[in-house]
Amino acid sequence: MDRIFKLKENKTNVRTELIAGLTTFVTMAYVLVVVPDILSAAGIPIYAALAATCISSFVACIANGFYSNYPFALAPGMGLVAFFSFTVVGQMGIGWQQALGLVFISGVIFILLTLTNVREAILDAIPMNLKQAITVGIGIFLAFLGLKNAGWVVPNPATFVNLANLTEPNALLAAIGFVIVIILSIRGVTGAFLIGIAVTTIIGIPMGVTQAPQGIFSLEPLTALGVTAFKLDVMGSLKAGFIGLIFAFTFANMFDTMGTLIGVATRANMLDEQGRLPNAGRPLLVDAGATSFGALLGTSTVTTYLESASGVAAGGRTGLTAVVVGVLFGIALFFAPILTIVPSAATAPVLIIVGVMMAESVLDINFKDFTEAVPAFLTIIMMPLTFNIANGFAFGFISYTLVKVAAGRTKEVSLIMYILSALFLINFTL
């Protein structure tokens, strides 16, 4: 293990990596329920969607672990799955076969951009202050997601969001879990997140929040995969009217992935002195290939997950963490009924606390320079308020270019930043 994953070099060990992988998996296990449910709205059978989700995540995590040796977990992205089902299929009336073709093509474009080092060049061109802001923005986004999953904040037509009734079982259980995880973390208990999730799940049984599993073992998802595997319609998705959709899938996933890599890598102190992620092309290539592979099986865009930050916070530093996550996704294919009983109230506290940890990067942002402060602030604030990482990128990049030009400091803006800002403006127009 040490020879393959360089554990000693990364100041970790097998036990820590196993706990980190298990923590990441449990934190993102909700995809086993949510992703198939959303894909079923597009007409994809729910068991086929579950199988495609498990298998694509299994292959992507294993590949990332061995090839890039980073603790990043991959699965079908929530935002793009919703875009796939509710917008592309639901509102536009495109068949799920053609929609999968769009996802496949966007994956091929990712691969080409990665092999030509374009994606890595973009990643390296982002100014350090914006990278720190991206980390903070993702942290607040994660915390907001945790507050939502905990049932602590709810929609309000007058104020957009409002404090929920904290005496509701789900909200109360999340509060109990939050206290448990906080105490364990303060005391330095190894596996604090995982223990907190497990204990909270058990406490949720008498409270009626944790539901009893509908069985333990099932092969039905695997047998149902034949309905969607290799049923994508690539030629049908190449129609002229779909070019904008291909651009949308490509653009959104590119910056979602970059934001996640920057945020998680910063938290794990993996960036070098120039703020670059060593061998960034490897995790980017895995992410790109996983998107096309997932489309072949019958699921939407596979991407690097924010919840990887929970495993990093638990000590994960190498690809062994990702491999553990992948193996657990493979096992989940057969034991989905029992693995999906973990309620969102049990994982929500972890997301909130990881958000707190990632917010630490705000201390490294230069707020004294107005041309740095404005884009950094917009990057941070637009991610949670629009519930979209890519929007944070867009407002941050565009404002960075504008304020630097307005201040007459054009030399501080790289050619890539000019191009990206223009592309974001075009994307908003489209």
Protein backbone atom coordinates (compact mmCIF):
# COMPACT_ATOMS: atom_id res chain seq x y z
CA MET A 1 0.00 0.00 0.00
CA ASP A 2 2.79 2.40 0.88
CA ARG A 3 4.58 1.67 -2.39
CA ILE A 4 1.45 2.18 -4.51
CA PHE A 5 -0.06 5.19 -2.74
CA LYS A 6 3.04 6.73 -1.08
CA LEU A 7 1.40 6.77 2.34
CA LYS A 8 4.45 7.73 4.40
CA GLU A 9 5.38 10.47 1.95
CA ASN A 10 1.89 11.93 2.40
CA LYS A 11 2.04 11.49 6.19
CA THR A 12 -0.85 9.05 6.43
CA ASN A 13 -1.47 5.34 6.95
CA VAL A 14 -3.82 2.58 5.83
CA ARG A 15 -6.17 2.92 8.80
CA THR A 16 -6.59 6.66 8.31
CA GLU A 17 -7.21 6.25 4.58
CA LEU A 18 -9.80 3.52 5.18
CA ILE A 19 -11.67 5.70 7.67
CA ALA A 20 -11.45 8.69 5.32
CA GLY A 21 -12.81 6.65 2.41
CA LEU A 22 -15.66 5.30 4.51
CA THR A 23 -16.42 8.82 5.77
CA THR A 24 -16.54 10.22 2.22
CA PHE A 25 -18.76 7.38 1.05
CA VAL A 26 -21.24 7.70 3.91
CA THR A 27 -21.34 11.48 3.47
CA MET A 28 -22.20 11.15 -0.23
CA ALA A 29 -24.26 7.93 0.02
CA TYR A 30 -27.37 10.02 -0.55
CA VAL A 31 -26.59 9.87 -4.28
CA LEU A 32 -27.70 6.24 -4.17
CA VAL A 33 -31.21 7.49 -3.48
CA VAL A 34 -31.38 10.97 -4.97
CA VAL A 35 -29.68 10.44 -8.36
CA PRO A 36 -31.82 7.43 -9.44
CA ASP A 37 -34.93 9.25 -8.24
CA ILE A 38 -34.11 12.31 -10.38
CA LEU A 39 -33.16 10.20 -13.41
CA SER A 40 -36.42 8.30 -13.12
CA ALA A 41 -38.19 11.62 -13.80
CA ALA A 42 -36.51 11.53 -17.23
CA GLY A 43 -37.98 8.11 -17.95
CA ILE A 44 -34.95 6.02 -16.96
CA PRO A 45 -36.01 3.01 -14.83
CA ILE A 46 -34.96 3.66 -11.24
CA TYR A 47 -33.11 0.35 -10.76
CA ALA A 48 -31.20 0.83 -14.02
CA ALA A 49 -30.29 4.34 -12.86
CA LEU A 50 -29.09 2.96 -9.52
CA ALA A 51 -26.88 0.38 -11.25
CA ALA A 52 -25.43 2.98 -13.64
CA THR A 53 -24.74 5.31 -10.71
CA CYS A 54 -22.99 2.62 -8.64
CA ILE A 55 -20.90 1.17 -11.47
CA SER A 56 -19.81 4.52 -12.94
CA SER A 57 -18.86 5.76 -9.46
CA PHE A 58 -17.01 2.52 -8.72
CA VAL A 59 -14.93 2.70 -11.91
CA ALA A 60 -14.27 6.45 -11.63
CA CYS A 61 -13.13 6.33 -8.00
CA ILE A 62 -10.90 3.30 -8.56
CA ALA A 63 -9.34 4.90 -11.65
CA ASN A 64 -8.76 8.18 -9.84
CA GLY A 65 -7.23 6.46 -6.84
CA PHE A 66 -4.69 4.44 -8.79
CA TYR A 67 -4.01 6.89 -11.63
CA SER A 68 -3.90 10.27 -9.87
CA ASN A 69 -3.34 9.16 -6.24
CA TYR A 70 -5.67 11.88 -4.95
CA PRO A 71 -8.47 11.35 -2.39
CA PHE A 72 -11.16 12.68 -4.73
CA ALA A 73 -14.39 10.70 -5.07
CA LEU A 74 -16.56 10.83 -8.18
CA ALA A 75 -20.25 10.18 -8.85
CA PRO A 76 -23.02 11.61 -11.06
CA GLY A 77 -23.21 15.33 -10.22
CA MET A 78 -26.42 16.47 -8.54
CA GLY A 79 -26.79 19.80 -10.35
CA LEU A 80 -26.18 18.34 -13.79
CA VAL A 81 -28.45 15.35 -13.10
CA ALA A 82 -31.25 17.81 -12.30
CA PHE A 83 -30.42 19.81 -15.46
CA PHE A 84 -30.46 16.55 -17.44
CA SER A 85 -33.86 15.38 -16.18
CA PHE A 86 -35.88 18.49 -15.49
CA THR A 87 -34.59 20.89 -18.15
CA VAL A 88 -33.23 18.90 -21.08
CA VAL A 89 -35.72 16.01 -20.93
CA GLY A 90 -38.60 17.50 -18.94
CA GLN A 91 -38.90 21.05 -20.30
CA MET A 92 -37.30 20.68 -23.74
CA GLY A 93 -38.85 17.30 -24.49
CA ILE A 94 -35.61 15.62 -25.60
CA GLY A 95 -35.55 11.84 -25.14
CA TRP A 96 -33.24 10.46 -22.46
CA GLN A 97 -31.33 8.54 -25.14
CA GLN A 98 -30.41 11.76 -26.93
CA ALA A 99 -29.72 13.49 -23.63
CA LEU A 100 -27.23 10.74 -22.75
CA GLY A 101 -25.66 11.35 -26.15
CA LEU A 102 -25.17 15.01 -25.21
CA VAL A 103 -23.46 13.96 -21.98
CA PHE A 104 -21.23 11.51 -23.87
CA ILE A 105 -20.12 14.18 -26.35
CA SER A 106 -19.36 16.65 -23.56
CA GLY A 107 -17.20 13.94 -21.97
CA VAL A 108 -15.26 13.49 -25.22
CA ILE A 109 -14.71 17.26 -25.35
CA PHE A 110 -13.41 17.12 -21.75
CA ILE A 111 -10.97 14.40 -22.74
CA LEU A 112 -9.64 16.42 -25.68
CA LEU A 113 -9.28 19.57 -23.56
CA THR A 114 -7.45 17.58 -20.89
CA LEU A 115 -5.09 15.75 -23.26
CA THR A 116 -4.14 19.07 -24.83
CA ASN A 117 -3.52 20.49 -21.31
CA VAL A 118 -6.12 23.22 -21.87
CA ARG A 119 -8.02 22.36 -18.68
CA GLU A 120 -4.82 22.22 -16.62
CA ALA A 121 -3.69 25.55 -18.10
CA ILE A 122 -7.02 27.08 -17.08
CA LEU A 123 -6.64 25.67 -13.59
CA ASP A 124 -3.13 27.11 -13.26
CA ALA A 125 -4.18 30.52 -14.65
CA ILE A 126 -6.65 31.23 -11.85
CA PRO A 127 -5.15 33.88 -9.50
CA MET A 128 -4.31 32.68 -5.98
CA ASN A 129 -6.80 35.05 -4.32
CA LEU A 130 -9.59 33.61 -6.47
CA LYS A 131 -8.49 30.08 -5.61
CA GLN A 132 -8.76 30.90 -1.92
CA ALA A 133 -12.15 32.50 -2.55
CA ILE A 134 -13.32 29.40 -4.41
CA THR A 135 -12.38 27.29 -1.40
CA VAL A 136 -14.31 29.58 0.94
CA GLY A 137 -17.29 29.75 -1.41
CA ILE A 138 -17.46 25.98 -1.66
CA GLY A 139 -17.20 25.72 2.11
CA ILE A 140 -20.16 28.07 2.59
CA PHE A 141 -22.01 26.24 -0.17
CA LEU A 142 -21.41 22.94 1.64
CA ALA A 143 -22.54 24.45 4.94
CA PHE A 144 -25.69 25.82 3.30
CA LEU A 145 -26.37 22.41 1.78
CA GLY A 146 -25.89 20.90 5.23
CA LEU A 147 -28.29 23.43 6.80
CA LYS A 148 -30.84 22.58 4.12
CA ASN A 149 -30.42 18.82 4.56
CA ALA A 150 -30.64 19.24 8.32
CA GLY A 151 -34.01 20.92 7.93
CA TRP A 152 -32.75 24.05 9.70
CA VAL A 153 -33.46 26.42 6.81
CA VAL A 154 -36.50 26.31 4.52
CA PRO A 155 -37.74 28.32 1.51
CA ASN A 156 -39.71 31.49 2.16
CA PRO A 157 -41.40 33.46 -0.66
CA ALA A 158 -40.89 36.77 1.17
CA THR A 159 -37.31 36.37 2.42
CA PHE A 160 -36.12 33.51 0.13
CA VAL A 161 -34.97 31.44 3.13
CA ASN A 162 -36.14 31.23 6.70
CA LEU A 163 -35.36 29.39 9.93
CA ALA A 164 -37.33 26.16 10.14
CA ASN A 165 -39.09 24.60 13.10
CA LEU A 166 -36.12 23.12 14.94
CA THR A 167 -38.36 20.82 16.99
CA GLU A 168 -39.20 18.75 13.90
CA PRO A 169 -37.67 15.23 14.18
CA ASN A 170 -35.29 15.66 11.24
CA ALA A 171 -34.01 19.05 12.44
CA LEU A 172 -33.74 17.84 16.03
CA LEU A 173 -31.77 14.74 15.00
CA ALA A 174 -29.40 16.90 12.94
CA ALA A 175 -28.84 19.12 15.98
CA ILE A 176 -28.01 16.07 18.09
CA GLY A 177 -25.63 14.84 15.40
CA PHE A 178 -24.01 18.27 15.13
CA VAL A 179 -23.25 18.29 18.86
CA ILE A 180 -21.88 14.74 18.70
CA VAL A 181 -19.55 15.48 15.77
CA ILE A 182 -18.40 18.77 17.33
CA ILE A 183 -17.50 17.07 20.63
CA LEU A 184 -15.71 14.18 18.91
CA SER A 185 -13.78 16.58 16.63
CA ILE A 186 -12.72 18.85 19.49
CA ARG A 187 -11.44 15.86 21.43
CA GLY A 188 -9.48 14.67 18.38
CA VAL A 189 -11.26 11.32 18.09
CA THR A 190 -10.10 9.43 14.99
CA GLY A 191 -13.01 8.91 12.61
CA ALA A 192 -15.11 11.56 14.37
CA PHE A 193 -17.24 12.21 11.28
CA LEU A 194 -17.92 8.53 10.62
CA ILE A 195 -18.70 7.78 14.26
CA GLY A 196 -20.98 10.81 14.40
CA ILE A 197 -22.87 9.73 11.29
CA ALA A 198 -23.28 6.17 12.60
CA VAL A 199 -24.43 7.22 16.09
CA THR A 200 -26.82 9.81 14.67
CA THR A 201 -28.31 7.23 12.30
CA ILE A 202 -28.93 4.86 15.22
CA ILE A 203 -30.48 7.62 17.35
CA GLY A 204 -32.77 8.38 14.43
CA ILE A 205 -34.42 4.94 14.66
CA PRO A 206 -36.61 5.60 17.76
CA MET A 207 -37.21 9.15 16.48
CA GLY A 208 -38.73 7.80 13.29
CA VAL A 209 -36.22 9.55 11.04
CA THR A 210 -34.08 6.53 10.17
CA GLN A 211 -36.27 4.15 8.19
CA ALA A 212 -35.96 0.37 8.37
CA PRO A 213 -34.28 -1.10 5.26
CA GLN A 214 -36.51 -2.84 2.72
CA GLY A 215 -34.42 -5.98 2.69
CA ILE A 216 -30.65 -6.36 2.72
CA PHE A 217 -29.45 -7.91 -0.54
CA SER A 218 -30.76 -7.31 -4.09
CA LEU A 219 -29.64 -8.13 -7.64
CA GLU A 220 -32.49 -6.26 -9.29
CA PRO A 221 -30.48 -3.10 -10.06
CA LEU A 222 -27.86 -5.13 -11.93
CA THR A 223 -30.39 -7.01 -14.04
CA ALA A 224 -32.18 -3.76 -14.90
CA LEU A 225 -29.03 -2.14 -16.32
CA GLY A 226 -29.67 -3.68 -19.74
CA VAL A 227 -32.47 -1.17 -20.28
CA THR A 228 -30.08 1.81 -20.48
CA ALA A 229 -26.57 0.43 -21.11
CA PHE A 230 -25.32 1.54 -24.53
CA LYS A 231 -28.76 2.89 -25.46
CA LEU A 232 -27.56 6.50 -25.87
CA ASP A 233 -28.29 8.24 -29.18
CA VAL A 234 -25.09 10.09 -30.12
CA MET A 235 -26.07 10.85 -33.71
CA GLY A 236 -29.44 12.22 -32.63
CA SER A 237 -27.74 14.53 -30.15
CA LEU A 238 -25.57 16.11 -32.88
CA LYS A 239 -28.47 18.15 -34.27
CA ALA A 240 -27.69 21.83 -34.75
CA GLY A 241 -30.22 22.90 -32.15
CA PHE A 242 -28.39 20.92 -29.46
CA ILE A 243 -25.02 22.66 -29.78
CA GLY A 244 -25.93 25.07 -26.99
CA LEU A 245 -26.80 22.15 -24.71
CA ILE A 246 -23.45 20.49 -25.37
CA PHE A 247 -21.80 23.81 -24.48
CA ALA A 248 -23.90 24.04 -21.29
CA PHE A 249 -22.97 20.52 -20.13
CA THR A 250 -19.31 21.11 -20.98
CA PHE A 251 -19.04 24.53 -19.36
CA ALA A 252 -20.90 23.70 -16.15
CA ASN A 253 -19.04 20.48 -15.46
CA MET A 254 -15.63 21.95 -16.28
CA PHE A 255 -15.88 24.63 -13.64
CA ASP A 256 -17.74 22.51 -11.10
CA THR A 257 -14.84 20.06 -11.26
CA MET A 258 -12.18 22.74 -11.10
CA GLY A 259 -13.87 24.38 -8.13
CA THR A 260 -14.04 21.09 -6.28
CA LEU A 261 -10.42 20.20 -7.02
CA ILE A 262 -9.19 23.62 -5.90
CA GLY A 263 -11.35 23.65 -2.77
CA VAL A 264 -10.56 20.13 -1.58
CA ALA A 265 -6.87 20.33 -2.56
CA THR A 266 -6.46 23.63 -0.71
CA ARG A 267 -8.03 22.14 2.39
CA ALA A 268 -5.58 19.20 2.19
CA ASN A 269 -2.57 21.50 1.57
CA MET A 270 -1.91 19.83 -1.79
CA LEU A 271 -1.26 23.01 -3.79
CA ASP A 272 2.33 24.06 -4.41
CA GLU A 273 3.86 27.50 -3.79
CA GLN A 274 2.30 28.87 -6.99
CA GLY A 275 -1.14 27.60 -6.00
CA ARG A 276 -1.03 24.76 -8.52
CA LEU A 277 -2.19 21.18 -8.04
CA PRO A 278 0.67 18.83 -9.05
CA ASN A 279 -0.28 16.48 -11.88
CA ALA A 280 -3.70 18.09 -12.11
CA GLY A 281 -4.13 16.59 -15.57
CA ARG A 282 -4.61 13.13 -14.07
CA PRO A 283 -7.73 13.74 -11.94
CA LEU A 284 -9.08 15.95 -14.72
CA LEU A 285 -8.63 13.15 -17.27
CA VAL A 286 -10.34 10.63 -15.00
CA ASP A 287 -13.22 13.06 -14.51
CA ALA A 288 -13.51 13.52 -18.27
CA GLY A 289 -13.44 9.81 -19.07
CA ALA A 290 -15.92 9.04 -16.30
CA THR A 291 -18.47 11.39 -17.86
CA SER A 292 -18.50 9.51 -21.16
CA PHE A 293 -18.38 6.13 -19.40
CA GLY A 294 -21.37 7.05 -17.23
CA ALA A 295 -23.34 8.12 -20.29
CA LEU A 296 -22.66 4.72 -21.89
CA LEU A 297 -24.19 3.02 -18.85
CA GLY A 298 -27.18 5.34 -18.53
CA THR A 299 -26.42 8.15 -16.07
CA SER A 300 -25.71 11.86 -16.35
CA THR A 301 -22.39 13.68 -15.97
CA VAL A 302 -20.00 12.00 -13.52
CA THR A 303 -17.93 14.56 -11.67
CA THR A 304 -15.64 15.05 -8.67
CA TYR A 305 -17.68 15.44 -5.49
CA LEU A 306 -17.52 18.22 -2.92
CA GLU A 307 -18.10 15.63 -0.22
CA SER A 308 -14.52 14.47 -0.82
CA ALA A 309 -13.71 17.28 1.61
CA SER A 310 -15.22 15.24 4.45
CA GLY A 311 -12.73 12.42 3.80
CA VAL A 312 -9.87 14.91 3.55
CA ALA A 313 -10.98 16.42 6.86
CA ALA A 314 -10.92 12.89 8.31
CA GLY A 315 -7.26 12.54 7.25
CA GLY A 316 -7.46 11.17 3.71
CA ARG A 317 -4.48 12.27 1.61
CA THR A 318 -3.96 9.64 -1.11
CA GLY A 319 -5.73 7.65 -3.78
CA LEU A 320 -6.39 4.87 -1.29
CA THR A 321 -9.24 7.00 0.07
CA ALA A 322 -10.79 7.17 -3.41
CA VAL A 323 -10.30 3.43 -3.93
CA VAL A 324 -12.16 2.70 -0.69
CA VAL A 325 -15.03 4.92 -1.84
CA GLY A 326 -15.11 3.10 -5.18
CA VAL A 327 -15.17 -0.33 -3.56
CA LEU A 328 -18.04 0.75 -1.31
CA PHE A 329 -20.01 2.00 -4.32
CA GLY A 330 -19.46 -1.40 -5.91
CA ILE A 331 -20.73 -3.13 -2.78
CA ALA A 332 -23.68 -0.73 -2.63
CA LEU A 333 -24.91 -2.11 -5.93
CA PHE A 334 -25.83 -5.31 -4.11
CA PHE A 335 -26.66 -3.93 -0.66
CA ALA A 336 -28.42 -0.71 -1.62
CA PRO A 337 -31.52 -1.41 0.55
CA ILE A 338 -29.50 -1.27 3.79
CA LEU A 339 -26.86 1.29 2.80
CA THR A 340 -29.43 3.90 1.85
CA ILE A 341 -31.03 4.12 5.32
CA VAL A 342 -28.58 6.83 6.49
CA PRO A 343 -30.80 9.93 6.74
CA SER A 344 -29.73 13.34 5.50
CA ALA A 345 -29.96 14.56 9.09
CA ALA A 346 -27.00 12.29 9.95
CA THR A 347 -24.71 13.56 7.17
CA ALA A 348 -25.78 17.23 7.32
CA PRO A 349 -23.68 18.04 10.45
CA VAL A 350 -20.55 16.81 8.68
CA LEU A 351 -21.20 19.07 5.70
CA ILE A 352 -21.65 22.07 8.01
CA ILE A 353 -18.43 21.39 9.92
CA VAL A 354 -16.42 20.78 6.74
CA GLY A 355 -17.76 24.13 5.54
CA VAL A 356 -16.39 25.73 8.70
CA MET A 357 -12.98 24.16 8.06
CA MET A 358 -12.87 25.32 4.44
CA ALA A 359 -13.87 28.87 5.41
CA GLU A 360 -10.46 29.20 7.06
CA SER A 361 -8.98 30.10 3.66
CA VAL A 362 -10.67 33.50 3.87
CA LEU A 363 -7.74 34.55 6.08
CA ASP A 364 -5.41 34.27 3.07
CA ILE A 365 -7.44 36.56 0.80
CA ASN A 366 -6.10 40.08 0.29
CA PHE A 367 -9.15 42.22 1.06
CA LYS A 368 -7.04 45.38 1.34
CA ASP A 369 -6.66 45.48 -2.45
CA PHE A 370 -10.10 46.43 -3.83
CA THR A 371 -9.34 44.84 -7.21
CA GLU A 372 -8.76 41.55 -5.41
CA ALA A 373 -11.51 41.92 -2.80
CA VAL A 374 -14.45 42.49 -5.17
CA PRO A 375 -13.97 39.38 -7.35
CA ALA A 376 -13.11 37.26 -4.30
CA PHE A 377 -16.26 38.39 -2.48
CA LEU A 378 -18.48 37.79 -5.52
CA THR A 379 -16.95 34.34 -6.01
CA ILE A 380 -17.71 33.44 -2.39
CA ILE A 381 -21.20 34.86 -2.13
CA MET A 382 -22.61 33.75 -5.49
CA MET A 383 -21.94 30.04 -4.97
CA PRO A 384 -24.35 29.50 -2.06
CA LEU A 385 -26.84 32.20 -3.08
CA THR A 386 -27.30 30.77 -6.59
CA PHE A 387 -26.73 27.18 -5.43
CA ASN A 388 -24.21 26.76 -8.24
CA ILE A 389 -20.40 26.61 -8.13
CA ALA A 390 -20.02 27.59 -11.78
CA ASN A 391 -21.91 30.85 -11.14
CA GLY A 392 -19.35 31.72 -8.48
CA PHE A 393 -16.62 31.19 -11.06
CA ALA A 394 -18.47 33.34 -13.59
CA PHE A 395 -19.00 36.37 -11.34
CA GLY A 396 -15.50 36.07 -9.92
CA PHE A 397 -13.75 35.79 -13.28
CA ILE A 398 -15.76 38.51 -15.01
CA SER A 399 -15.41 40.98 -12.13
CA TYR A 400 -11.68 40.22 -11.77
CA THR A 401 -11.08 41.13 -15.40
CA LEU A 402 -13.27 44.24 -15.27
CA VAL A 403 -11.82 45.74 -12.09
CA LYS A 404 -8.24 45.09 -13.15
CA VAL A 405 -8.85 46.75 -16.52
CA ALA A 406 -10.66 49.66 -14.83
CA ALA A 407 -7.70 50.11 -12.48
CA GLY A 408 -5.28 50.13 -15.40
CA ARG A 409 -3.62 46.92 -14.18
CA THR A 410 -4.19 44.92 -17.36
CA LYS A 411 -0.84 43.14 -17.09
CA GLU A 412 -2.14 41.27 -14.05
CA VAL A 413 -4.84 39.62 -16.18
CA SER A 414 -3.65 36.62 -18.18
CA LEU A 415 -4.88 35.87 -21.69
CA ILE A 416 -6.72 32.81 -20.37
CA MET A 417 -8.61 34.98 -17.85
CA TYR A 418 -9.70 37.33 -20.65
CA ILE A 419 -10.92 34.38 -22.71
CA LEU A 420 -12.75 32.75 -19.79
CA SER A 421 -14.44 36.01 -18.83
CA ALA A 422 -15.67 36.42 -22.41
CA LEU A 423 -16.93 32.83 -22.49
CA PHE A 424 -18.83 33.31 -19.24
CA LEU A 425 -20.47 36.44 -20.67
CA ILE A 426 -21.44 34.48 -23.78
CA ASN A 427 -22.79 31.68 -21.60
CA PHE A 428 -25.00 34.14 -19.69
CA THR A 429 -26.24 35.55 -22.99
CA LEU A 430 -27.13 32.11 -24.32
